Amino acid sequence: VKMILMLIVVESVKEGAFSLDQKVHISRAASRIGGSQVYLKEGEVFTLGELLKAVVIASANDAAYAVAEHVAGDAEIFVEMMKDRARELGMTDTHYVNVHGLPPNRGSLPNLMSSRDVGILAQELLKFPIITQWGRTKRATFRGGKFILTNTNRLIGRFRGIDGLKTGFYRKAGFSIASTAKQGDLRLIAITLGSSHSRR
């Protein structure tokens, strides 16, 4: 789910609609998002780049929510932007309900994607070097060095040429990863969805 958020943001920056240096004020709603997070507090201010970096490296749900609010003004509006972009890319087996990928409320449909659609997203993201720059980063600082972002992709540093791309997990969905590596002129993308174990 965060891959489409990442794509929308970097495309918007390329088009000049936003800058990675723009200040983002953290809302109460963003500060209350659970799961994987960087523990944002209401009233804190970060740059859009800092928050996007936290999304790419540490899969921070609160940072994703804050980014979505900044770009669209409202997280629910951003979900509609995600749906529109997915349709434009021909992602016919995708359904988005939120901006961070956490499990939906009881009785609601979950976020759904096919491996084909994840592959489409991966190819689009690879057009932006900053994504693979962060994607291959094992650790980075956040909040002025007081917090360490640790890459959720366990392949980083263990496989030559790997530079991304995104992991995902919650109990019912299982472990998923869109991984990519480049050696010489060869770039490969591998997608695993719904594994019962993070090492498989």
N, C-alpha and C. Protein backbone atom coordinates (compact mmCIF):
# COMPACT_ATOMS: atom_id res chain seq x y z
N VAL A 1 0.82 -1.20 0.00
CA VAL A 1 0.00 0.00 0.00
C VAL A 1 0.86 1.26 0.00
N LYS A 2 1.93 1.24 0.80
CA LYS A 2 2.77 2.45 0.87
C LYS A 2 3.50 2.71 -0.44
N MET A 3 3.64 1.71 -1.29
CA MET A 3 4.32 1.93 -2.57
C MET A 3 3.59 2.95 -3.42
N ILE A 4 2.25 2.90 -3.44
CA ILE A 4 1.50 3.87 -4.25
C ILE A 4 1.59 5.25 -3.62
N LEU A 5 1.62 5.32 -2.30
CA LEU A 5 1.82 6.60 -1.62
C LEU A 5 3.17 7.19 -2.00
N MET A 6 4.21 6.35 -1.94
CA MET A 6 5.55 6.79 -2.32
C MET A 6 5.56 7.32 -3.75
N LEU A 7 4.90 6.59 -4.65
CA LEU A 7 4.90 6.97 -6.05
C LEU A 7 4.21 8.31 -6.26
N ILE A 8 3.05 8.49 -5.66
CA ILE A 8 2.31 9.74 -5.81
C ILE A 8 3.14 10.93 -5.33
N VAL A 9 3.83 10.74 -4.21
CA VAL A 9 4.63 11.84 -3.66
C VAL A 9 5.80 12.18 -4.57
N VAL A 10 6.57 11.19 -5.00
CA VAL A 10 7.75 11.51 -5.83
C VAL A 10 7.32 12.05 -7.20
N GLU A 11 6.19 11.58 -7.71
CA GLU A 11 5.69 12.14 -8.97
C GLU A 11 5.27 13.59 -8.78
N SER A 12 4.63 13.89 -7.65
CA SER A 12 4.19 15.26 -7.36
C SER A 12 5.38 16.19 -7.19
N VAL A 13 6.44 15.68 -6.57
CA VAL A 13 7.66 16.48 -6.41
C VAL A 13 8.30 16.75 -7.78
N LYS A 14 8.35 15.73 -8.62
CA LYS A 14 8.92 15.90 -9.96
C LYS A 14 8.15 16.94 -10.77
N GLU A 15 6.83 16.95 -10.59
CA GLU A 15 5.98 17.89 -11.32
C GLU A 15 6.04 19.30 -10.73
N GLY A 16 6.65 19.45 -9.55
CA GLY A 16 6.79 20.76 -8.93
C GLY A 16 5.65 21.15 -8.01
N ALA A 17 4.71 20.24 -7.79
CA ALA A 17 3.58 20.55 -6.91
C ALA A 17 4.00 20.61 -5.44
N PHE A 18 5.04 19.84 -5.11
CA PHE A 18 5.55 19.81 -3.74
C PHE A 18 7.06 19.76 -3.78
N SER A 19 7.67 20.02 -2.62
CA SER A 19 9.11 19.93 -2.47
C SER A 19 9.42 19.06 -1.26
N LEU A 20 10.48 18.28 -1.33
CA LEU A 20 10.85 17.44 -0.20
C LEU A 20 11.31 18.27 1.00
N ASP A 21 11.58 19.56 0.77
CA ASP A 21 11.98 20.46 1.85
C ASP A 21 10.80 21.13 2.55
N GLN A 22 9.60 20.93 2.03
CA GLN A 22 8.42 21.54 2.64
C GLN A 22 8.20 21.04 4.06
N LYS A 23 7.73 21.94 4.92
CA LYS A 23 7.46 21.59 6.31
C LYS A 23 6.09 20.92 6.44
N VAL A 24 6.05 19.84 7.19
CA VAL A 24 4.81 19.10 7.43
C VAL A 24 4.52 19.15 8.93
N HIS A 25 3.35 19.67 9.28
CA HIS A 25 2.94 19.74 10.68
C HIS A 25 2.15 18.47 11.03
N ILE A 26 2.55 17.83 12.09
CA ILE A 26 1.95 16.55 12.47
C ILE A 26 0.62 16.77 13.19
N SER A 27 -0.42 16.15 12.68
CA SER A 27 -1.75 16.27 13.26
C SER A 27 -1.95 15.26 14.39
N ARG A 28 -3.01 15.45 15.12
CA ARG A 28 -3.36 14.50 16.17
C ARG A 28 -3.65 13.13 15.57
N ALA A 29 -4.36 13.12 14.44
CA ALA A 29 -4.71 11.84 13.79
C ALA A 29 -3.46 11.08 13.40
N ALA A 30 -2.48 11.76 12.83
CA ALA A 30 -1.24 11.09 12.41
C ALA A 30 -0.49 10.53 13.61
N SER A 31 -0.53 11.26 14.72
CA SER A 31 0.20 10.82 15.92
C SER A 31 -0.42 9.60 16.58
N ARG A 32 -1.64 9.28 16.19
CA ARG A 32 -2.35 8.17 16.83
C ARG A 32 -2.35 6.88 16.01
N ILE A 33 -1.63 6.87 14.88
CA ILE A 33 -1.56 5.67 14.04
C ILE A 33 -0.58 4.69 14.67
N GLY A 34 -1.00 3.45 14.78
CA GLY A 34 -0.18 2.43 15.44
C GLY A 34 0.64 1.61 14.47
N GLY A 35 1.03 0.43 14.92
CA GLY A 35 1.86 -0.46 14.11
C GLY A 35 3.27 0.07 14.00
N SER A 36 3.93 -0.24 12.90
CA SER A 36 5.29 0.25 12.66
C SER A 36 5.25 1.77 12.57
N GLN A 37 6.07 2.47 13.37
CA GLN A 37 5.96 3.92 13.42
C GLN A 37 7.25 4.57 13.89
N VAL A 38 7.30 5.88 13.76
CA VAL A 38 8.42 6.67 14.28
C VAL A 38 7.96 7.54 15.44
N TYR A 39 6.80 7.24 15.95
CA TYR A 39 6.26 7.88 17.17
C TYR A 39 6.15 9.39 17.03
N LEU A 40 5.48 9.80 15.96
CA LEU A 40 5.24 11.22 15.74
C LEU A 40 4.33 11.77 16.83
N LYS A 41 4.58 13.02 17.18
CA LYS A 41 3.78 13.69 18.20
C LYS A 41 3.04 14.86 17.57
N GLU A 42 1.81 15.07 18.02
CA GLU A 42 1.03 16.19 17.51
C GLU A 42 1.79 17.50 17.70
N GLY A 43 1.86 18.30 16.65
CA GLY A 43 2.54 19.58 16.73
C GLY A 43 3.99 19.56 16.27
N GLU A 44 4.59 18.36 16.16
CA GLU A 44 5.95 18.28 15.64
C GLU A 44 5.96 18.71 14.17
N VAL A 45 7.12 19.14 13.72
CA VAL A 45 7.27 19.56 12.33
C VAL A 45 8.48 18.84 11.72
N PHE A 46 8.25 18.22 10.57
CA PHE A 46 9.31 17.56 9.82
C PHE A 46 9.20 17.99 8.37
N THR A 47 10.25 17.75 7.59
CA THR A 47 10.13 17.99 6.16
C THR A 47 9.42 16.81 5.51
N LEU A 48 8.85 17.08 4.34
CA LEU A 48 8.21 16.00 3.59
C LEU A 48 9.22 14.91 3.27
N GLY A 49 10.46 15.29 2.97
CA GLY A 49 11.50 14.31 2.67
C GLY A 49 11.82 13.42 3.85
N GLU A 50 11.90 14.01 5.05
CA GLU A 50 12.18 13.22 6.25
C GLU A 50 11.10 12.17 6.47
N LEU A 51 9.86 12.56 6.29
CA LEU A 51 8.74 11.64 6.52
C LEU A 51 8.69 10.56 5.45
N LEU A 52 8.93 10.94 4.19
CA LEU A 52 8.92 9.95 3.12
C LEU A 52 10.06 8.95 3.31
N LYS A 53 11.20 9.43 3.76
CA LYS A 53 12.34 8.56 4.06
C LYS A 53 11.96 7.54 5.13
N ALA A 54 11.21 7.97 6.15
CA ALA A 54 10.76 7.07 7.21
C ALA A 54 9.79 6.02 6.67
N VAL A 55 9.01 6.40 5.67
CA VAL A 55 8.09 5.45 5.03
C VAL A 55 8.87 4.41 4.25
N VAL A 56 9.83 4.86 3.44
CA VAL A 56 10.58 3.95 2.57
C VAL A 56 11.45 3.00 3.39
N ILE A 57 12.18 3.53 4.36
CA ILE A 57 13.12 2.70 5.11
C ILE A 57 12.44 1.89 6.20
N ALA A 58 11.67 2.56 7.05
CA ALA A 58 11.13 1.92 8.24
C ALA A 58 9.66 1.56 8.15
N SER A 59 9.04 1.82 7.00
CA SER A 59 7.63 1.50 6.79
C SER A 59 6.74 2.14 7.86
N ALA A 60 7.04 3.38 8.21
CA ALA A 60 6.34 4.05 9.31
C ALA A 60 4.92 4.44 8.92
N ASN A 61 3.96 3.86 9.62
CA ASN A 61 2.55 4.13 9.34
C ASN A 61 2.16 5.57 9.66
N ASP A 62 2.67 6.09 10.78
CA ASP A 62 2.32 7.46 11.16
C ASP A 62 2.90 8.46 10.17
N ALA A 63 4.10 8.19 9.68
CA ALA A 63 4.70 9.07 8.68
C ALA A 63 3.90 9.03 7.38
N ALA A 64 3.44 7.84 6.99
CA ALA A 64 2.63 7.71 5.77
C ALA A 64 1.35 8.54 5.89
N TYR A 65 0.72 8.47 7.05
CA TYR A 65 -0.52 9.22 7.27
C TYR A 65 -0.25 10.72 7.21
N ALA A 66 0.84 11.16 7.83
CA ALA A 66 1.18 12.58 7.83
C ALA A 66 1.47 13.08 6.41
N VAL A 67 2.17 12.26 5.63
CA VAL A 67 2.46 12.61 4.23
C VAL A 67 1.17 12.73 3.44
N ALA A 68 0.27 11.78 3.62
CA ALA A 68 -1.00 11.80 2.89
C ALA A 68 -1.82 13.04 3.23
N GLU A 69 -1.86 13.39 4.51
CA GLU A 69 -2.59 14.60 4.92
C GLU A 69 -1.98 15.85 4.30
N HIS A 70 -0.66 15.90 4.26
CA HIS A 70 0.00 17.09 3.71
C HIS A 70 -0.27 17.24 2.21
N VAL A 71 -0.20 16.14 1.49
CA VAL A 71 -0.35 16.19 0.04
C VAL A 71 -1.80 16.43 -0.38
N ALA A 72 -2.73 15.76 0.29
CA ALA A 72 -4.13 15.84 -0.14
C ALA A 72 -5.01 16.69 0.77
N GLY A 73 -4.50 17.03 1.95
CA GLY A 73 -5.32 17.78 2.91
C GLY A 73 -6.12 16.89 3.82
N ASP A 74 -6.26 15.62 3.41
CA ASP A 74 -7.04 14.66 4.18
C ASP A 74 -6.66 13.26 3.71
N ALA A 75 -6.50 12.34 4.66
CA ALA A 75 -6.07 10.98 4.30
C ALA A 75 -7.09 10.27 3.42
N GLU A 76 -8.37 10.51 3.66
CA GLU A 76 -9.40 9.85 2.84
C GLU A 76 -9.36 10.34 1.40
N ILE A 77 -9.07 11.61 1.22
CA ILE A 77 -8.93 12.14 -0.14
C ILE A 77 -7.72 11.51 -0.82
N PHE A 78 -6.66 11.30 -0.04
CA PHE A 78 -5.47 10.68 -0.61
C PHE A 78 -5.76 9.25 -1.07
N VAL A 79 -6.61 8.52 -0.34
CA VAL A 79 -7.00 7.17 -0.77
C VAL A 79 -7.62 7.23 -2.16
N GLU A 80 -8.45 8.24 -2.42
CA GLU A 80 -9.04 8.38 -3.74
C GLU A 80 -7.98 8.67 -4.79
N MET A 81 -6.96 9.44 -4.42
CA MET A 81 -5.84 9.68 -5.33
C MET A 81 -5.10 8.38 -5.64
N MET A 82 -4.95 7.53 -4.63
CA MET A 82 -4.31 6.23 -4.82
C MET A 82 -5.11 5.38 -5.80
N LYS A 83 -6.41 5.36 -5.63
CA LYS A 83 -7.27 4.58 -6.52
C LYS A 83 -7.18 5.09 -7.95
N ASP A 84 -7.20 6.41 -8.11
CA ASP A 84 -7.12 7.01 -9.44
C ASP A 84 -5.80 6.66 -10.13
N ARG A 85 -4.70 6.77 -9.37
CA ARG A 85 -3.38 6.48 -9.96
C ARG A 85 -3.27 5.01 -10.33
N ALA A 86 -3.82 4.14 -9.48
CA ALA A 86 -3.79 2.71 -9.78
C ALA A 86 -4.54 2.41 -11.07
N ARG A 87 -5.69 3.05 -11.27
CA ARG A 87 -6.45 2.85 -12.50
C ARG A 87 -5.65 3.34 -13.71
N GLU A 88 -5.00 4.48 -13.57
CA GLU A 88 -4.20 5.02 -14.67
C GLU A 88 -3.07 4.08 -15.07
N LEU A 89 -2.54 3.35 -14.08
CA LEU A 89 -1.43 2.43 -14.34
C LEU A 89 -1.90 1.05 -14.81
N GLY A 90 -3.21 0.85 -14.88
CA GLY A 90 -3.75 -0.45 -15.31
C GLY A 90 -3.71 -1.50 -14.23
N MET A 91 -3.73 -1.08 -12.98
CA MET A 91 -3.72 -2.03 -11.86
C MET A 91 -5.16 -2.47 -11.59
N THR A 92 -5.56 -3.52 -12.26
CA THR A 92 -6.96 -3.94 -12.26
C THR A 92 -7.34 -4.83 -11.07
N ASP A 93 -6.35 -5.30 -10.31
CA ASP A 93 -6.63 -6.19 -9.18
C ASP A 93 -6.23 -5.54 -7.87
N THR A 94 -6.52 -4.27 -7.73
CA THR A 94 -6.13 -3.51 -6.54
C THR A 94 -7.33 -2.80 -5.94
N HIS A 95 -7.38 -2.82 -4.60
CA HIS A 95 -8.44 -2.09 -3.87
C HIS A 95 -7.80 -1.47 -2.63
N TYR A 96 -7.84 -0.14 -2.55
CA TYR A 96 -7.24 0.56 -1.41
C TYR A 96 -8.32 1.07 -0.46
N VAL A 97 -8.06 0.93 0.84
CA VAL A 97 -8.99 1.46 1.85
C VAL A 97 -8.32 2.45 2.80
N ASN A 98 -6.99 2.42 2.88
CA ASN A 98 -6.29 3.38 3.73
C ASN A 98 -4.90 3.66 3.15
N VAL A 99 -4.17 4.57 3.81
CA VAL A 99 -2.90 5.02 3.24
C VAL A 99 -1.67 4.33 3.83
N HIS A 100 -1.89 3.46 4.81
CA HIS A 100 -0.75 2.85 5.52
C HIS A 100 -0.71 1.33 5.45
N GLY A 101 -1.80 0.69 5.04
CA GLY A 101 -1.79 -0.76 4.90
C GLY A 101 -2.14 -1.55 6.15
N LEU A 102 -2.50 -0.86 7.23
CA LEU A 102 -2.91 -1.57 8.43
C LEU A 102 -4.24 -2.29 8.20
N PRO A 103 -4.54 -3.29 9.03
CA PRO A 103 -5.81 -4.01 8.86
C PRO A 103 -7.00 -3.06 8.95
N PRO A 104 -8.05 -3.34 8.20
CA PRO A 104 -9.23 -2.47 8.22
C PRO A 104 -10.05 -2.68 9.48
N ASN A 105 -11.00 -1.79 9.69
CA ASN A 105 -11.93 -1.97 10.79
C ASN A 105 -12.78 -3.21 10.54
N ARG A 106 -13.28 -3.80 11.62
CA ARG A 106 -14.11 -5.00 11.50
C ARG A 106 -15.27 -4.76 10.55
N GLY A 107 -15.46 -5.69 9.63
CA GLY A 107 -16.56 -5.60 8.68
C GLY A 107 -16.22 -4.85 7.41
N SER A 108 -15.03 -4.26 7.35
CA SER A 108 -14.63 -3.51 6.15
C SER A 108 -13.72 -4.37 5.27
N LEU A 109 -13.73 -4.08 3.99
CA LEU A 109 -12.83 -4.78 3.07
C LEU A 109 -11.39 -4.37 3.36
N PRO A 110 -10.44 -5.29 3.18
CA PRO A 110 -9.03 -4.94 3.37
C PRO A 110 -8.45 -4.32 2.11
N ASN A 111 -7.23 -3.79 2.22
CA ASN A 111 -6.47 -3.43 1.04
C ASN A 111 -6.15 -4.72 0.29
N LEU A 112 -6.31 -4.70 -1.02
CA LEU A 112 -6.05 -5.89 -1.84
C LEU A 112 -5.19 -5.52 -3.04
N MET A 113 -4.21 -6.38 -3.35
CA MET A 113 -3.37 -6.19 -4.53
C MET A 113 -2.92 -7.54 -5.05
N SER A 114 -2.78 -7.63 -6.36
CA SER A 114 -2.20 -8.82 -6.96
C SER A 114 -0.70 -8.61 -7.12
N SER A 115 0.04 -9.70 -7.29
CA SER A 115 1.48 -9.58 -7.50
C SER A 115 1.77 -8.82 -8.79
N ARG A 116 0.94 -8.99 -9.80
CA ARG A 116 1.11 -8.25 -11.06
C ARG A 116 1.03 -6.75 -10.80
N ASP A 117 0.07 -6.32 -10.02
CA ASP A 117 -0.09 -4.90 -9.74
C ASP A 117 1.07 -4.36 -8.91
N VAL A 118 1.57 -5.16 -7.98
CA VAL A 118 2.74 -4.74 -7.21
C VAL A 118 3.93 -4.56 -8.15
N GLY A 119 4.04 -5.46 -9.13
CA GLY A 119 5.12 -5.36 -10.11
C GLY A 119 5.03 -4.09 -10.94
N ILE A 120 3.82 -3.70 -11.31
CA ILE A 120 3.62 -2.45 -12.05
C ILE A 120 4.10 -1.27 -11.22
N LEU A 121 3.73 -1.26 -9.96
CA LEU A 121 4.14 -0.19 -9.05
C LEU A 121 5.65 -0.15 -8.89
N ALA A 122 6.24 -1.32 -8.73
CA ALA A 122 7.69 -1.39 -8.55
C ALA A 122 8.41 -0.78 -9.74
N GLN A 123 7.97 -1.10 -10.95
CA GLN A 123 8.60 -0.56 -12.15
C GLN A 123 8.50 0.96 -12.20
N GLU A 124 7.36 1.50 -11.77
CA GLU A 124 7.20 2.95 -11.76
C GLU A 124 8.10 3.60 -10.73
N LEU A 125 8.20 3.01 -9.55
CA LEU A 125 9.03 3.57 -8.48
C LEU A 125 10.51 3.57 -8.85
N LEU A 126 10.92 2.59 -9.64
CA LEU A 126 12.33 2.49 -10.03
C LEU A 126 12.77 3.62 -10.97
N LYS A 127 11.83 4.42 -11.42
CA LYS A 127 12.17 5.58 -12.24
C LYS A 127 12.72 6.73 -11.40
N PHE A 128 12.64 6.58 -10.07
CA PHE A 128 13.03 7.65 -9.16
C PHE A 128 14.20 7.19 -8.29
N PRO A 129 15.42 7.66 -8.59
CA PRO A 129 16.62 7.21 -7.88
C PRO A 129 16.56 7.37 -6.36
N ILE A 130 15.82 8.38 -5.88
CA ILE A 130 15.78 8.59 -4.43
C ILE A 130 15.12 7.40 -3.71
N ILE A 131 14.24 6.70 -4.40
CA ILE A 131 13.57 5.54 -3.79
C ILE A 131 14.56 4.40 -3.58
N THR A 132 15.40 4.13 -4.56
CA THR A 132 16.40 3.07 -4.38
C THR A 132 17.55 3.53 -3.48
N GLN A 133 17.81 4.83 -3.46
CA GLN A 133 18.83 5.36 -2.53
C GLN A 133 18.41 5.06 -1.09
N TRP A 134 17.17 5.35 -0.76
CA TRP A 134 16.66 5.04 0.58
C TRP A 134 16.40 3.55 0.73
N GLY A 135 15.98 2.91 -0.36
CA GLY A 135 15.65 1.50 -0.29
C GLY A 135 16.83 0.61 0.06
N ARG A 136 18.04 1.03 -0.29
CA ARG A 136 19.22 0.23 0.02
C ARG A 136 19.89 0.67 1.33
N THR A 137 19.29 1.65 2.01
CA THR A 137 19.84 2.16 3.27
C THR A 137 19.42 1.25 4.43
N LYS A 138 20.39 0.68 5.10
CA LYS A 138 20.08 -0.24 6.19
C LYS A 138 19.62 0.50 7.44
N ARG A 139 20.29 1.59 7.76
CA ARG A 139 19.92 2.40 8.92
C ARG A 139 20.15 3.88 8.60
N ALA A 140 19.29 4.72 9.20
CA ALA A 140 19.43 6.17 9.03
C ALA A 140 18.87 6.85 10.27
N THR A 141 19.28 8.09 10.47
CA THR A 141 18.79 8.82 11.64
C THR A 141 17.50 9.56 11.33
N PHE A 142 16.76 9.84 12.39
CA PHE A 142 15.49 10.57 12.29
C PHE A 142 15.35 11.38 13.58
N ARG A 143 14.59 12.46 13.50
CA ARG A 143 14.38 13.33 14.65
C ARG A 143 15.71 13.83 15.22
N GLY A 144 16.55 14.35 14.30
CA GLY A 144 17.81 14.92 14.70
C GLY A 144 18.77 13.94 15.32
N GLY A 145 18.69 12.69 14.92
CA GLY A 145 19.59 11.66 15.43
C GLY A 145 19.11 10.96 16.67
N LYS A 146 17.96 11.35 17.19
CA LYS A 146 17.43 10.74 18.42
C LYS A 146 16.72 9.42 18.16
N PHE A 147 16.43 9.14 16.89
CA PHE A 147 15.71 7.91 16.52
C PHE A 147 16.42 7.30 15.32
N ILE A 148 16.54 5.99 15.33
CA ILE A 148 17.20 5.29 14.22
C ILE A 148 16.15 4.56 13.38
N LEU A 149 16.14 4.88 12.09
CA LEU A 149 15.30 4.16 11.14
C LEU A 149 16.03 2.88 10.75
N THR A 150 15.38 1.75 10.90
CA THR A 150 15.97 0.47 10.50
C THR A 150 15.16 -0.11 9.35
N ASN A 151 15.83 -0.47 8.28
CA ASN A 151 15.15 -0.97 7.10
C ASN A 151 14.43 -2.28 7.40
N THR A 152 13.16 -2.36 7.04
CA THR A 152 12.38 -3.57 7.27
C THR A 152 12.73 -4.68 6.29
N ASN A 153 13.48 -4.34 5.24
CA ASN A 153 13.89 -5.32 4.24
C ASN A 153 15.15 -6.03 4.72
N ARG A 154 15.02 -7.27 5.16
CA ARG A 154 16.14 -8.01 5.73
C ARG A 154 17.17 -8.44 4.69
N LEU A 155 16.86 -8.26 3.42
CA LEU A 155 17.82 -8.61 2.37
C LEU A 155 18.90 -7.55 2.18
N ILE A 156 18.65 -6.35 2.70
CA ILE A 156 19.62 -5.27 2.54
C ILE A 156 20.93 -5.66 3.23
N GLY A 157 22.02 -5.59 2.48
CA GLY A 157 23.33 -5.95 3.01
C GLY A 157 23.65 -7.43 2.95
N ARG A 158 22.68 -8.25 2.54
CA ARG A 158 22.89 -9.70 2.47
C ARG A 158 22.91 -10.22 1.05
N PHE A 159 22.52 -9.38 0.11
CA PHE A 159 22.43 -9.81 -1.29
C PHE A 159 23.00 -8.71 -2.16
N ARG A 160 23.97 -9.02 -2.98
CA ARG A 160 24.66 -8.01 -3.80
C ARG A 160 23.70 -7.32 -4.76
N GLY A 161 23.71 -6.01 -4.71
CA GLY A 161 22.92 -5.22 -5.64
C GLY A 161 21.52 -4.88 -5.19
N ILE A 162 21.08 -5.41 -4.06
CA ILE A 162 19.70 -5.15 -3.66
C ILE A 162 19.53 -3.71 -3.19
N ASP A 163 18.49 -3.07 -3.66
CA ASP A 163 18.26 -1.66 -3.33
C ASP A 163 16.78 -1.34 -3.14
N GLY A 164 16.04 -2.29 -2.64
CA GLY A 164 14.63 -2.02 -2.34
C GLY A 164 13.82 -3.31 -2.35
N LEU A 165 12.56 -3.27 -2.16
CA LEU A 165 11.87 -2.01 -2.39
C LEU A 165 10.87 -1.74 -1.26
N LYS A 166 10.10 -2.76 -0.86
CA LYS A 166 9.10 -2.53 0.18
C LYS A 166 8.64 -3.85 0.77
N THR A 167 8.45 -3.83 2.09
CA THR A 167 7.90 -4.99 2.79
C THR A 167 6.52 -4.65 3.32
N GLY A 168 5.78 -5.68 3.71
CA GLY A 168 4.47 -5.48 4.32
C GLY A 168 4.11 -6.66 5.18
N PHE A 169 3.40 -6.39 6.26
CA PHE A 169 2.97 -7.49 7.14
C PHE A 169 1.84 -7.05 8.06
N TYR A 170 0.84 -7.91 8.18
CA TYR A 170 0.02 -8.02 9.38
C TYR A 170 -0.49 -9.45 9.41
N ARG A 171 -0.96 -9.89 10.57
CA ARG A 171 -1.16 -11.32 10.81
C ARG A 171 -1.99 -12.02 9.73
N LYS A 172 -3.13 -11.49 9.40
CA LYS A 172 -4.00 -12.16 8.44
C LYS A 172 -3.43 -12.13 7.02
N ALA A 173 -2.74 -11.05 6.67
CA ALA A 173 -2.19 -10.91 5.31
C ALA A 173 -0.89 -11.67 5.13
N GLY A 174 -0.18 -11.93 6.22
CA GLY A 174 1.11 -12.61 6.12
C GLY A 174 2.23 -11.65 5.74
N PHE A 175 3.39 -12.23 5.46
CA PHE A 175 4.57 -11.44 5.10
C PHE A 175 4.65 -11.27 3.59
N SER A 176 4.88 -10.03 3.16
CA SER A 176 5.00 -9.75 1.73
C SER A 176 6.21 -8.87 1.48
N ILE A 177 6.78 -9.00 0.29
CA ILE A 177 7.91 -8.16 -0.08
C ILE A 177 7.98 -7.99 -1.60
N ALA A 178 8.24 -6.74 -2.00
CA ALA A 178 8.61 -6.45 -3.38
C ALA A 178 10.09 -6.10 -3.32
N SER A 179 10.92 -7.01 -3.77
CA SER A 179 12.37 -6.80 -3.70
C SER A 179 12.92 -6.57 -5.10
N THR A 180 14.01 -5.82 -5.15
CA THR A 180 14.63 -5.54 -6.44
C THR A 180 16.13 -5.41 -6.26
N ALA A 181 16.86 -5.84 -7.26
CA ALA A 181 18.32 -5.76 -7.23
C ALA A 181 18.84 -5.52 -8.64
N LYS A 182 20.00 -4.86 -8.68
CA LYS A 182 20.64 -4.60 -9.97
C LYS A 182 22.09 -5.03 -9.90
N GLN A 183 22.50 -5.83 -10.89
CA GLN A 183 23.89 -6.25 -11.04
C GLN A 183 24.28 -6.00 -12.49
N GLY A 184 25.24 -5.10 -12.69
CA GLY A 184 25.59 -4.72 -14.05
C GLY A 184 24.43 -4.02 -14.72
N ASP A 185 24.05 -4.49 -15.90
CA ASP A 185 22.92 -3.90 -16.62
C ASP A 185 21.61 -4.65 -16.36
N LEU A 186 21.66 -5.65 -15.49
CA LEU A 186 20.48 -6.47 -15.25
C LEU A 186 19.77 -6.04 -13.97
N ARG A 187 18.50 -5.70 -14.07
CA ARG A 187 17.65 -5.37 -12.94
C ARG A 187 16.53 -6.40 -12.86
N LEU A 188 16.34 -6.98 -11.69
CA LEU A 188 15.26 -7.94 -11.48
C LEU A 188 14.36 -7.47 -10.34
N ILE A 189 13.09 -7.80 -10.44
CA ILE A 189 12.10 -7.52 -9.40
C ILE A 189 11.48 -8.86 -9.01
N ALA A 190 11.43 -9.13 -7.71
CA ALA A 190 10.79 -10.36 -7.21
C ALA A 190 9.72 -9.99 -6.21
N ILE A 191 8.57 -10.62 -6.33
CA ILE A 191 7.43 -10.29 -5.47
C ILE A 191 6.93 -11.54 -4.77
N THR A 192 6.81 -11.46 -3.46
CA THR A 192 6.26 -12.54 -2.66
C THR A 192 5.13 -11.96 -1.82
N LEU A 193 3.95 -12.57 -1.89
CA LEU A 193 2.81 -12.11 -1.13
C LEU A 193 2.27 -13.20 -0.23
N GLY A 194 1.91 -12.84 0.99
CA GLY A 194 1.20 -13.76 1.88
C GLY A 194 1.98 -14.93 2.42
N SER A 195 3.29 -14.77 2.61
CA SER A 195 4.09 -15.86 3.18
C SER A 195 3.76 -16.02 4.66
N SER A 196 3.88 -17.26 5.13
CA SER A 196 3.58 -17.53 6.54
C SER A 196 4.76 -17.20 7.45
N HIS A 197 5.92 -16.93 6.86
CA HIS A 197 7.11 -16.66 7.67
C HIS A 197 7.97 -15.62 6.98
N SER A 198 8.60 -14.75 7.74
CA SER A 198 9.39 -13.67 7.15
C SER A 198 10.65 -14.15 6.45
N ARG A 199 11.08 -15.39 6.74
CA ARG A 199 12.30 -15.91 6.12
C ARG A 199 12.02 -16.77 4.91
N ARG A 200 10.76 -16.93 4.53
CA ARG A 200 10.44 -17.78 3.38
C ARG A 200 10.14 -16.95 2.16
